[in-house]
C-alpha atoms as a PDB file:
ATOM      1  CA  UNK A   1      12.036  16.060 -10.299  1.00  0.00           C
ATOM      2  CA  UNK A   2      13.177  12.416 -10.341  1.00  0.00           C
ATOM      3  CA  UNK A   3      14.823  10.845  -7.320  1.00  0.00           C
ATOM      4  CA  UNK A   4      18.285   9.558  -8.242  1.00  0.00           C
ATOM      5  CA  UNK A   5      19.468   8.267  -4.874  1.00  0.00           C
ATOM      6  CA  UNK A   6      18.552   4.534  -4.757  1.00  0.00           C
ATOM      7  CA  UNK A   7      17.984   4.525  -0.991  1.00  0.00           C
ATOM      8  CA  UNK A   8      15.596   7.501  -1.130  1.00  0.00           C
ATOM      9  CA  UNK A   9      13.811   6.021  -4.145  1.00  0.00           C
ATOM     10  CA  UNK A  10      13.231   2.721  -2.339  1.00  0.00           C
ATOM     11  CA  UNK A  11      12.037   4.570   0.754  1.00  0.00           C
ATOM     12  CA  UNK A  12       9.567   6.646  -1.276  1.00  0.00           C
ATOM     13  CA  UNK A  13       8.203   3.633  -3.158  1.00  0.00           C
ATOM     14  CA  UNK A  14       7.785   1.616   0.037  1.00  0.00           C
ATOM     15  CA  UNK A  15       5.884   4.385   1.790  1.00  0.00           C
ATOM     16  CA  UNK A  16       3.648   4.900  -1.253  1.00  0.00           C
ATOM     17  CA  UNK A  17       2.995   1.363  -2.465  1.00  0.00           C
ATOM     18  CA  UNK A  18       3.424  -0.917   0.569  1.00  0.00           C
ATOM     19  CA  UNK A  19      -0.215  -0.689   1.587  1.00  0.00           C
ATOM     20  CA  UNK A  20      -3.164  -2.992   1.221  1.00  0.00           C
ATOM     21  CA  UNK A  21      -6.467  -1.878  -0.274  1.00  0.00           C
ATOM     22  CA  UNK A  22      -9.799  -3.277   0.861  1.00  0.00           C
ATOM     23  CA  UNK A  23     -11.757  -4.737  -2.030  1.00  0.00           C
ATOM     24  CA  UNK A  24     -15.053  -4.058  -0.276  1.00  0.00           C
ATOM     25  CA  UNK A  25     -14.780  -0.403   0.814  1.00  0.00           C
ATOM     26  CA  UNK A  26     -11.525   0.823  -0.798  1.00  0.00           C
ATOM     27  CA  UNK A  27      -9.805   1.874   2.450  1.00  0.00           C
ATOM     28  CA  UNK A  28      -5.998   1.961   2.713  1.00  0.00           C
ATOM     29  CA  UNK A  29      -4.596  -0.377   5.367  1.00  0.00           C
ATOM     30  CA  UNK A  30      -1.177  -1.204   6.760  1.00  0.00           C
ATOM     31  CA  UNK A  31       0.981  -3.722   4.875  1.00  0.00           C
ATOM     32  CA  UNK A  32       0.719  -6.142   7.806  1.00  0.00           C
ATOM     33  CA  UNK A  33      -3.072  -5.853   8.117  1.00  0.00           C
ATOM     34  CA  UNK A  34      -5.167  -8.997   7.962  1.00  0.00           C
ATOM     35  CA  UNK A  35      -8.528  -7.219   8.207  1.00  0.00           C
ATOM     36  CA  UNK A  36      -9.764  -3.840   7.007  1.00  0.00           C
ATOM     37  CA  UNK A  37      -9.639  -1.081   9.612  1.00  0.00           C
ATOM     38  CA  UNK A  38     -12.937   0.380   8.413  1.00  0.00           C
ATOM     39  CA  UNK A  39     -15.295  -2.453   7.453  1.00  0.00           C
ATOM     40  CA  UNK A  40     -13.466  -5.429   9.089  1.00  0.00           C
ATOM     41  CA  UNK A  41     -13.442  -7.396   5.814  1.00  0.00           C
ATOM     42  CA  UNK A  42     -10.617  -9.886   5.202  1.00  0.00           C
ATOM     43  CA  UNK A  43     -10.689  -9.277   1.442  1.00  0.00           C
ATOM     44  CA  UNK A  44      -7.490  -7.202   1.005  1.00  0.00           C
ATOM     45  CA  UNK A  45      -5.117  -6.805  -1.934  1.00  0.00           C
ATOM     46  CA  UNK A  46      -1.714  -5.118  -2.294  1.00  0.00           C
ATOM     47  CA  UNK A  47      -1.779  -1.702  -3.958  1.00  0.00           C
ATOM     48  CA  UNK A  48      -1.067  -1.934  -7.682  1.00  0.00           C
ATOM     49  CA  UNK A  49       2.184  -0.530  -9.003  1.00  0.00           C
ATOM     50  CA  UNK A  50       3.011   0.116 -12.665  1.00  0.00           C
ATOM     51  CA  UNK A  51       6.718   0.402 -13.422  1.00  0.00           C
END
């Protein structure tokens, strides 16, 4: 069931895709993270999103 309300759609996309993924161990981290919560690596990338 698609979300038609633009505010709810933006909220859902932000909660799903505004995370950073560690390139070393694959852990999900907060968007504001500078280091991985699990392995303490600084090698983070934003989660990929296909439109």
